[in-house]
C-alpha atoms as a PDB file:
ATOM      1  CA  MET A   1      -9.862  -5.804 -17.539  1.00  0.00           C
ATOM      2  CA  ALA A   2      -6.789  -7.444 -18.943  1.00  0.00           C
ATOM      3  CA  ALA A   3      -5.525 -10.604 -17.344  1.00  0.00           C
ATOM      4  CA  ALA A   4      -2.317 -10.226 -15.292  1.00  0.00           C
ATOM      5  CA  GLN A   5       0.936 -12.027 -16.043  1.00  0.00           C
ATOM      6  CA  GLN A   6       1.523 -14.392 -13.125  1.00  0.00           C
ATOM      7  CA  GLY A   7       4.925 -15.821 -12.392  1.00  0.00           C
ATOM      8  CA  ASN A   8       7.622 -15.857  -9.814  1.00  0.00           C
ATOM      9  CA  ALA A   9       8.376 -12.239 -10.617  1.00  0.00           C
ATOM     10  CA  LYS A  10       6.154  -9.441  -9.511  1.00  0.00           C
ATOM     11  CA  ARG A  11       6.259  -5.939 -10.832  1.00  0.00           C
ATOM     12  CA  LYS A  12       9.077  -4.095  -9.110  1.00  0.00           C
ATOM     13  CA  SER A  13       9.407  -0.402  -8.574  1.00  0.00           C
ATOM     14  CA  THR A  14      11.683   2.424  -7.769  1.00  0.00           C
ATOM     15  CA  GLY A  15       9.360   3.324  -4.949  1.00  0.00           C
ATOM     16  CA  ASN A  16       9.910   5.948  -2.302  1.00  0.00           C
ATOM     17  CA  ARG A  17      11.299   3.746   0.442  1.00  0.00           C
ATOM     18  CA  SER A  18      14.031   3.426   3.001  1.00  0.00           C
ATOM     19  CA  GLY A  19      15.373   0.430   4.781  1.00  0.00           C
ATOM     20  CA  SER A  20      14.796   1.750   8.300  1.00  0.00           C
ATOM     21  CA  GLY A  21      11.253   3.151   8.536  1.00  0.00           C
ATOM     22  CA  LYS A  22       9.817   3.065  12.068  1.00  0.00           C
ATOM     23  CA  ARG A  23       6.568   4.304  13.622  1.00  0.00           C
ATOM     24  CA  PRO A  24       5.956   7.015  14.788  1.00  0.00           C
ATOM     25  CA  PRO A  25       7.804   9.104  12.139  1.00  0.00           C
ATOM     26  CA  GLU A  26      11.306  10.070  13.085  1.00  0.00           C
ATOM     27  CA  PRO A  27      14.387  11.299  11.236  1.00  0.00           C
ATOM     28  CA  MET A  28      16.421   8.759   9.315  1.00  0.00           C
ATOM     29  CA  ARG A  29      19.270   7.150  11.237  1.00  0.00           C
ATOM     30  CA  GLY A  30      22.266   9.426  11.221  1.00  0.00           C
ATOM     31  CA  TYR A  31      20.249  12.465  10.184  1.00  0.00           C
ATOM     32  CA  ARG A  32      20.579  15.558  12.372  1.00  0.00           C
ATOM     33  CA  PRO A  33      17.303  17.529  12.163  1.00  0.00           C
ATOM     34  CA  PRO A  34      17.564  21.281  11.640  1.00  0.00           C
ATOM     35  CA  ALA A  35      15.935  23.726  14.016  1.00  0.00           C
ATOM     36  CA  ARG A  36      13.122  24.517  11.584  1.00  0.00           C
ATOM     37  CA  LYS A  37      10.147  22.185  11.065  1.00  0.00           C
ATOM     38  CA  THR A  38      11.214  19.081   9.179  1.00  0.00           C
ATOM     39  CA  ASN A  39       9.411  17.862   6.075  1.00  0.00           C
ATOM     40  CA  TRP A  40      10.035  14.192   6.878  1.00  0.00           C
ATOM     41  CA  PHE A  41       8.530  12.909   3.653  1.00  0.00           C
ATOM     42  CA  ALA A  42      11.004  14.996   1.672  1.00  0.00           C
ATOM     43  CA  ILE A  43      13.890  13.582   3.739  1.00  0.00           C
ATOM     44  CA  TRP A  44      12.834   9.966   3.159  1.00  0.00           C
ATOM     45  CA  ILE A  45      12.329  10.601  -0.536  1.00  0.00           C
ATOM     46  CA  SER A  46      15.752  12.195  -0.945  1.00  0.00           C
ATOM     47  CA  VAL A  47      17.392   9.212   0.764  1.00  0.00           C
ATOM     48  CA  ALA A  48      15.377   6.768  -1.346  1.00  0.00           C
ATOM     49  CA  ALA A  49      16.484   8.484  -4.541  1.00  0.00           C
ATOM     50  CA  ALA A  50      19.902   6.868  -4.188  1.00  0.00           C
ATOM     51  CA  VAL A  51      18.419   3.427  -4.851  1.00  0.00           C
ATOM     52  CA  VAL A  52      16.092   4.411  -7.701  1.00  0.00           C
ATOM     53  CA  VAL A  53      18.422   3.608 -10.584  1.00  0.00           C
ATOM     54  CA  GLY A  54      19.413   0.232  -9.173  1.00  0.00           C
ATOM     55  CA  ALA A  55      15.818  -0.740  -8.588  1.00  0.00           C
ATOM     56  CA  ILE A  56      14.878   0.177 -12.142  1.00  0.00           C
ATOM     57  CA  ILE A  57      17.644  -2.044 -13.499  1.00  0.00           C
ATOM     58  CA  ALA A  58      16.603  -4.903 -11.192  1.00  0.00           C
ATOM     59  CA  ALA A  59      13.011  -4.602 -12.318  1.00  0.00           C
ATOM     60  CA  ILE A  60      14.008  -4.755 -15.977  1.00  0.00           C
ATOM     61  CA  VAL A  61      16.077  -7.880 -15.383  1.00  0.00           C
ATOM     62  CA  VAL A  62      13.265  -9.576 -13.473  1.00  0.00           C
ATOM     63  CA  PHE A  63      10.685  -8.774 -16.129  1.00  0.00           C
ATOM     64  CA  SER A  64      12.958 -10.061 -18.877  1.00  0.00           C
ATOM     65  CA  THR A  65      13.188 -13.462 -17.156  1.00  0.00           C
ATOM     66  CA  ALA A  66       9.579 -13.729 -16.018  1.00  0.00           C
ATOM     67  CA  SER A  67       7.673 -16.925 -16.609  1.00  0.00           C
ATOM     68  CA  SER A  68       5.177 -16.913 -19.455  1.00  0.00           C
ATOM     69  CA  SER A  69       2.645 -18.885 -17.425  1.00  0.00           C
ATOM     70  CA  SER A  70      -0.382 -17.119 -16.007  1.00  0.00           C
ATOM     71  CA  ASN A  71      -3.261 -17.841 -13.679  1.00  0.00           C
ATOM     72  CA  PRO A  72      -6.804 -16.576 -14.102  1.00  0.00           C
ATOM     73  CA  VAL A  73      -7.489 -13.256 -12.408  1.00  0.00           C
ATOM     74  CA  VAL A  74     -10.240 -13.591  -9.823  1.00  0.00           C
ATOM     75  CA  VAL A  75     -11.975 -10.238  -9.394  1.00  0.00           C
ATOM     76  CA  PRO A  76     -13.482  -9.594  -5.941  1.00  0.00           C
ATOM     77  CA  SER A  77     -17.252  -9.423  -6.218  1.00  0.00           C
ATOM     78  CA  SER A  78     -18.070  -7.091  -3.332  1.00  0.00           C
ATOM     79  CA  ALA A  79     -19.970  -3.927  -4.211  1.00  0.00           C
ATOM     80  CA  GLY A  80     -17.368  -2.033  -2.198  1.00  0.00           C
ATOM     81  CA  ILE A  81     -14.535  -3.024  -4.528  1.00  0.00           C
ATOM     82  CA  ASP A  82     -14.108  -1.483  -7.975  1.00  0.00           C
ATOM     83  CA  GLY A  83     -13.068  -4.383 -10.190  1.00  0.00           C
ATOM     84  CA  GLU A  84     -11.504  -2.050 -12.760  1.00  0.00           C
ATOM     85  CA  THR A  85      -9.403   0.143 -10.459  1.00  0.00           C
ATOM     86  CA  GLY A  86      -8.978  -2.182  -7.485  1.00  0.00           C
ATOM     87  CA  ALA A  87     -10.193   0.529  -5.108  1.00  0.00           C
ATOM     88  CA  ILE A  88     -11.685  -0.653  -1.826  1.00  0.00           C
ATOM     89  CA  ALA A  89     -14.160   2.095  -0.965  1.00  0.00           C
ATOM     90  CA  VAL A  90     -14.617   3.106   2.661  1.00  0.00           C
ATOM     91  CA  GLY A  91     -17.220   5.750   3.419  1.00  0.00           C
ATOM     92  CA  ASP A  92     -19.367   7.785   1.058  1.00  0.00           C
ATOM     93  CA  GLY A  93     -18.163  11.372   1.357  1.00  0.00           C
ATOM     94  CA  GLU A  94     -18.004  13.775  -1.578  1.00  0.00           C
ATOM     95  CA  GLY A  95     -14.244  14.220  -1.388  1.00  0.00           C
ATOM     96  CA  THR A  96     -12.020  11.338  -2.436  1.00  0.00           C
ATOM     97  CA  LEU A  97      -8.715  10.198  -1.023  1.00  0.00           C
ATOM     98  CA  ASP A  98      -6.970   7.354  -2.845  1.00  0.00           C
ATOM     99  CA  THR A  99      -4.080   5.609  -1.109  1.00  0.00           C
ATOM    100  CA  TYR A 100      -1.889   3.069  -2.913  1.00  0.00           C
ATOM    101  CA  VAL A 101      -0.038   1.097  -0.255  1.00  0.00           C
ATOM    102  CA  ASP A 102       2.299  -1.868   0.061  1.00  0.00           C
ATOM    103  CA  PHE A 103       2.058  -3.564   3.452  1.00  0.00           C
ATOM    104  CA  MET A 104       5.831  -4.121   3.525  1.00  0.00           C
ATOM    105  CA  CYS A 105       6.583  -0.449   2.794  1.00  0.00           C
ATOM    106  CA  PRO A 106       7.930   1.360   5.894  1.00  0.00           C
ATOM    107  CA  ILE A 107       6.917   4.792   4.594  1.00  0.00           C
ATOM    108  CA  CYS A 108       3.376   3.482   4.129  1.00  0.00           C
ATOM    109  CA  GLY A 109       3.495   2.459   7.780  1.00  0.00           C
ATOM    110  CA  ASN A 110       4.660   5.940   8.755  1.00  0.00           C
ATOM    111  CA  PHE A 111       1.939   7.472   6.604  1.00  0.00           C
ATOM    112  CA  GLU A 112      -0.676   5.371   8.413  1.00  0.00           C
ATOM    113  CA  SER A 113       0.665   6.245  11.869  1.00  0.00           C
ATOM    114  CA  THR A 114       0.750   9.962  11.004  1.00  0.00           C
ATOM    115  CA  TYR A 115      -2.444  10.368   8.979  1.00  0.00           C
ATOM    116  CA  GLY A 116      -4.513   7.269   9.766  1.00  0.00           C
ATOM    117  CA  SER A 117      -6.633   8.581  12.627  1.00  0.00           C
ATOM    118  CA  THR A 118      -7.387  11.795  10.722  1.00  0.00           C
ATOM    119  CA  ILE A 119      -8.374   9.833   7.632  1.00  0.00           C
ATOM    120  CA  GLN A 120     -10.706   7.677   9.719  1.00  0.00           C
ATOM    121  CA  SER A 121     -12.306  10.806  11.194  1.00  0.00           C
ATOM    122  CA  LEU A 122     -12.823  12.278   7.721  1.00  0.00           C
ATOM    123  CA  VAL A 123     -14.512   9.031   6.655  1.00  0.00           C
ATOM    124  CA  GLU A 124     -16.699   8.879   9.733  1.00  0.00           C
ATOM    125  CA  ASP A 125     -17.908  12.483   9.494  1.00  0.00           C
ATOM    126  CA  GLY A 126     -18.823  12.066   5.823  1.00  0.00           C
ATOM    127  CA  SER A 127     -16.118  14.353   4.433  1.00  0.00           C
ATOM    128  CA  ILE A 128     -14.459  11.776   2.197  1.00  0.00           C
ATOM    129  CA  THR A 129     -14.616   8.428   0.517  1.00  0.00           C
ATOM    130  CA  LEU A 130     -11.352   6.613   1.186  1.00  0.00           C
ATOM    131  CA  ASN A 131     -10.255   4.398  -1.703  1.00  0.00           C
ATOM    132  CA  ILE A 132      -7.669   1.870  -0.547  1.00  0.00           C
ATOM    133  CA  HIS A 133      -5.492   0.300  -3.248  1.00  0.00           C
ATOM    134  CA  PRO A 134      -3.388  -2.558  -1.812  1.00  0.00           C
ATOM    135  CA  ILE A 135      -0.502  -3.133  -4.224  1.00  0.00           C
ATOM    136  CA  SER A 136       2.680  -5.175  -4.368  1.00  0.00           C
ATOM    137  CA  ILE A 137       6.052  -3.673  -5.281  1.00  0.00           C
ATOM    138  CA  LEU A 138       8.282  -4.949  -2.459  1.00  0.00           C
ATOM    139  CA  ASP A 139       8.058  -8.751  -2.686  1.00  0.00           C
ATOM    140  CA  ARG A 140      11.835  -8.815  -3.138  1.00  0.00           C
ATOM    141  CA  TYR A 141      12.207  -7.567   0.445  1.00  0.00           C
ATOM    142  CA  SER A 142      10.418 -10.498   2.126  1.00  0.00           C
ATOM    143  CA  SER A 143      13.003 -13.269   1.820  1.00  0.00           C
ATOM    144  CA  GLY A 144      11.178 -15.113  -0.938  1.00  0.00           C
ATOM    145  CA  THR A 145       7.744 -15.292   0.735  1.00  0.00           C
ATOM    146  CA  GLU A 146       6.166 -12.588  -1.478  1.00  0.00           C
ATOM    147  CA  TYR A 147       4.669 -10.950   1.577  1.00  0.00           C
ATOM    148  CA  SER A 148       3.562  -7.787  -0.217  1.00  0.00           C
ATOM    149  CA  THR A 149       1.413  -9.788  -2.621  1.00  0.00           C
ATOM    150  CA  ARG A 150       0.062 -12.122   0.065  1.00  0.00           C
ATOM    151  CA  ALA A 151      -0.885  -9.267   2.392  1.00  0.00           C
ATOM    152  CA  ALA A 152      -2.562  -7.287  -0.400  1.00  0.00           C
ATOM    153  CA  ALA A 153      -4.500 -10.389  -1.465  1.00  0.00           C
ATOM    154  CA  ALA A 154      -5.554 -10.937   2.163  1.00  0.00           C
ATOM    155  CA  MET A 155      -6.776  -7.336   2.245  1.00  0.00           C
ATOM    156  CA  TYR A 156      -8.998  -8.062  -0.757  1.00  0.00           C
ATOM    157  CA  ALA A 157     -10.234 -11.278   0.857  1.00  0.00           C
ATOM    158  CA  VAL A 158     -11.380  -9.360   3.934  1.00  0.00           C
ATOM    159  CA  ALA A 159     -12.869  -6.493   1.906  1.00  0.00           C
ATOM    160  CA  GLU A 160     -14.745  -8.900  -0.351  1.00  0.00           C
ATOM    161  CA  ALA A 161     -16.312 -10.806   2.535  1.00  0.00           C
ATOM    162  CA  HIS A 162     -16.695  -7.905   4.984  1.00  0.00           C
ATOM    163  CA  PRO A 163     -16.555  -4.444   3.350  1.00  0.00           C
ATOM    164  CA  ASP A 164     -17.189  -2.804   6.729  1.00  0.00           C
ATOM    165  CA  LEU A 165     -14.001  -4.353   8.152  1.00  0.00           C
ATOM    166  CA  ALA A 166     -11.623  -3.255   5.374  1.00  0.00           C
ATOM    167  CA  LEU A 167     -10.249  -0.212   7.185  1.00  0.00           C
ATOM    168  CA  ALA A 168      -9.824  -2.138  10.429  1.00  0.00           C
ATOM    169  CA  TYR A 169      -7.815  -4.799   8.611  1.00  0.00           C
ATOM    170  CA  LEU A 170      -5.550  -2.218   6.988  1.00  0.00           C
ATOM    171  CA  GLN A 171      -4.971  -0.696  10.414  1.00  0.00           C
ATOM    172  CA  ILE A 172      -4.124  -3.985  12.118  1.00  0.00           C
ATOM    173  CA  LEU A 173      -1.712  -5.005   9.352  1.00  0.00           C
ATOM    174  CA  PHE A 174       0.190  -1.734   9.642  1.00  0.00           C
ATOM    175  CA  ALA A 175       0.129  -1.919  13.440  1.00  0.00           C
ATOM    176  CA  ASN A 176       1.913  -5.286  13.081  1.00  0.00           C
ATOM    177  CA  GLN A 177       4.019  -4.423  10.041  1.00  0.00           C
ATOM    178  CA  PRO A 178       7.083  -6.645   9.610  1.00  0.00           C
ATOM    179  CA  GLU A 179      10.555  -5.297   8.898  1.00  0.00           C
ATOM    180  CA  GLU A 180      11.827  -5.161   5.345  1.00  0.00           C
ATOM    181  CA  ASN A 181      14.123  -8.083   4.503  1.00  0.00           C
ATOM    182  CA  SER A 182      12.251 -10.292   6.949  1.00  0.00           C
ATOM    183  CA  SER A 183       9.968 -13.113   5.820  1.00  0.00           C
ATOM    184  CA  GLY A 184       6.913 -10.995   6.624  1.00  0.00           C
ATOM    185  CA  LEU A 185       3.801 -12.312   8.337  1.00  0.00           C
ATOM    186  CA  THR A 186       2.783 -15.898   7.669  1.00  0.00           C
ATOM    187  CA  ASN A 187      -0.595 -16.774   6.204  1.00  0.00           C
ATOM    188  CA  ASP A 188      -1.601 -18.040   9.639  1.00  0.00           C
ATOM    189  CA  GLN A 189      -0.803 -14.623  11.091  1.00  0.00           C
ATOM    190  CA  LEU A 190      -2.736 -12.838   8.337  1.00  0.00           C
ATOM    191  CA  ILE A 191      -5.700 -15.087   9.139  1.00  0.00           C
ATOM    192  CA  ALA A 192      -5.329 -14.526  12.882  1.00  0.00           C
ATOM    193  CA  TYR A 193      -5.418 -10.749  12.451  1.00  0.00           C
ATOM    194  CA  ALA A 194      -8.504 -11.106  10.272  1.00  0.00           C
ATOM    195  CA  ASP A 195     -10.086 -13.187  13.043  1.00  0.00           C
ATOM    196  CA  GLN A 196      -9.272 -10.465  15.578  1.00  0.00           C
ATOM    197  CA  ILE A 197     -11.331  -7.857  13.720  1.00  0.00           C
ATOM    198  CA  GLY A 198     -14.241 -10.243  13.095  1.00  0.00           C
ATOM    199  CA  ALA A 199     -13.456 -11.563   9.605  1.00  0.00           C
ATOM    200  CA  THR A 200     -13.449 -15.200  10.632  1.00  0.00           C
ATOM    201  CA  ASP A 201     -14.282 -16.730   7.259  1.00  0.00           C
ATOM    202  CA  VAL A 202     -11.404 -15.677   4.992  1.00  0.00           C
ATOM    203  CA  ALA A 203      -8.830 -18.375   5.769  1.00  0.00           C
ATOM    204  CA  ASP A 204      -9.490 -20.352   2.598  1.00  0.00           C
ATOM    205  CA  ALA A 205      -9.115 -17.311   0.345  1.00  0.00           C
ATOM    206  CA  ILE A 206      -5.895 -16.256   2.071  1.00  0.00           C
ATOM    207  CA  ASN A 207      -4.328 -19.726   1.984  1.00  0.00           C
ATOM    208  CA  ALA A 208      -5.331 -20.227  -1.647  1.00  0.00           C
ATOM    209  CA  GLY A 209      -3.983 -16.833  -2.701  1.00  0.00           C
ATOM    210  CA  THR A 210      -7.314 -16.236  -4.427  1.00  0.00           C
ATOM    211  CA  TYR A 211      -6.692 -12.575  -5.217  1.00  0.00           C
ATOM    212  CA  GLU A 212      -2.932 -12.606  -5.792  1.00  0.00           C
ATOM    213  CA  SER A 213      -3.229 -12.334  -9.580  1.00  0.00           C
ATOM    214  CA  PHE A 214      -5.712  -9.500  -9.114  1.00  0.00           C
ATOM    215  CA  VAL A 215      -3.147  -7.708  -6.930  1.00  0.00           C
ATOM    216  CA  THR A 216      -0.563  -8.035  -9.692  1.00  0.00           C
ATOM    217  CA  SER A 217      -2.872  -6.612 -12.331  1.00  0.00           C
ATOM    218  CA  MET A 218      -3.929  -3.712 -10.123  1.00  0.00           C
ATOM    219  CA  THR A 219      -0.327  -2.929  -9.207  1.00  0.00           C
ATOM    220  CA  ASP A 220       0.416  -2.533 -12.903  1.00  0.00           C
ATOM    221  CA  ASN A 221      -2.224   0.212 -13.062  1.00  0.00           C
ATOM    222  CA  THR A 222      -0.867   2.317 -10.190  1.00  0.00           C
ATOM    223  CA  PRO A 223      -0.426   5.963 -11.243  1.00  0.00           C
ATOM    224  CA  ILE A 224       3.026   7.537 -11.210  1.00  0.00           C
ATOM    225  CA  GLN A 225       3.689  10.358  -8.798  1.00  0.00           C
ATOM    226  CA  PRO A 226       4.877  13.691 -10.201  1.00  0.00           C
ATOM    227  CA  GLY A 227       8.658  13.624 -10.434  1.00  0.00           C
ATOM    228  CA  GLN A 228       8.913   9.818 -10.270  1.00  0.00           C
ATOM    229  CA  SER A 229       9.919   7.439 -13.046  1.00  0.00           C
ATOM    230  CA  GLY A 230       8.090   4.399 -11.659  1.00  0.00           C
ATOM    231  CA  ILE A 231       5.533   3.248  -9.122  1.00  0.00           C
ATOM    232  CA  SER A 232       6.200   4.347  -5.556  1.00  0.00           C
ATOM    233  CA  THR A 233       4.415   3.878  -2.251  1.00  0.00           C
ATOM    234  CA  PRO A 234       2.515   5.382  -0.723  1.00  0.00           C
ATOM    235  CA  THR A 235       0.955   7.057  -3.732  1.00  0.00           C
ATOM    236  CA  ILE A 236      -1.745   9.533  -2.774  1.00  0.00           C
ATOM    237  CA  ALA A 237      -4.480  11.105  -4.901  1.00  0.00           C
ATOM    238  CA  ILE A 238      -6.661  13.896  -3.539  1.00  0.00           C
ATOM    239  CA  ASN A 239      -9.926  14.370  -5.380  1.00  0.00           C
ATOM    240  CA  GLY A 240      -8.479  12.459  -8.307  1.00  0.00           C
ATOM    241  CA  ASP A 241      -5.190  14.366  -8.530  1.00  0.00           C
ATOM    242  CA  VAL A 242      -2.027  12.396  -7.757  1.00  0.00           C
ATOM    243  CA  ILE A 243       0.274  14.422  -5.535  1.00  0.00           C
ATOM    244  CA  SER A 244       3.988  14.271  -4.842  1.00  0.00           C
ATOM    245  CA  ASN A 245       4.801  12.883  -1.401  1.00  0.00           C
ATOM    246  CA  SER A 246       7.300  15.714  -0.972  1.00  0.00           C
ATOM    247  CA  SER A 247       4.354  18.115  -0.784  1.00  0.00           C
ATOM    248  CA  LEU A 248       3.127  16.462   2.420  1.00  0.00           C
ATOM    249  CA  THR A 249       4.186  18.329   5.550  1.00  0.00           C
ATOM    250  CA  GLY A 250       3.472  15.616   8.118  1.00  0.00           C
ATOM    251  CA  ASP A 251       0.659  17.753   9.549  1.00  0.00           C
ATOM    252  CA  PRO A 252      -2.741  16.082   8.981  1.00  0.00           C
ATOM    253  CA  GLN A 253      -4.572  19.342   9.673  1.00  0.00           C
ATOM    254  CA  THR A 254      -2.750  21.133   6.873  1.00  0.00           C
ATOM    255  CA  ASP A 255      -2.523  18.272   4.417  1.00  0.00           C
ATOM    256  CA  LEU A 256      -6.002  16.778   4.791  1.00  0.00           C
ATOM    257  CA  VAL A 257      -8.439  18.516   7.118  1.00  0.00           C
ATOM    258  CA  GLU A 258      -8.068  21.949   5.519  1.00  0.00           C
ATOM    259  CA  VAL A 259      -8.473  20.360   2.083  1.00  0.00           C
ATOM    260  CA  PHE A 260     -11.609  18.320   2.739  1.00  0.00           C
ATOM    261  CA  ARG A 261     -13.518  20.387   5.329  1.00  0.00           C
END
């Protein structure tokens, strides 16, 4: 696996995002829902499209001024983490669900609040293997603290030391998701949430940013959704096929249960 370029700049994206995502899912501020059932993912995506071009330009500028220095990529050694794809495997079902998430992304938070309990049930009943890909495309929205990268690296620290606690850590981070354009959670908070779920030995890895370069390299390998020109979050793959978020209805029974059971 190729070493990642490490610098002050992280890979940026035109991701599907909005500046006002809240949980549980609700219409965007100022949006008057029609009488028919609302495809809320499609609404968020259409709003986010307005910022796509600007984000692409910003990403190009950042990459052009990136530092040439790099740090060694430390690959997590847990058997539950694929060092080539970055997938944190949860469960052992025949079906596969890959989720590429940024812990600062409000739509990722809405995805978790809408689909999370169903996904956990599908894992627990042996229907699927959940492959979690923590990535970092929204560092620019954490007031200079690079929260997306730090949180993703903390996720790897927990998954490396305690594979059985990976899903619980994802859940607690989204349950306490900070607002975009805030400074995000501190390292002490990331450690405290790890302590709460029983991962009491990951403080050193989180404070040292052990897996931050790995996060950067894995982010670079995120697949592109159909209809997108760059990486967006969440990106979802069902049985290896990347889908468009606009195809999601917001109904876990339709979107997941009927597919995997």
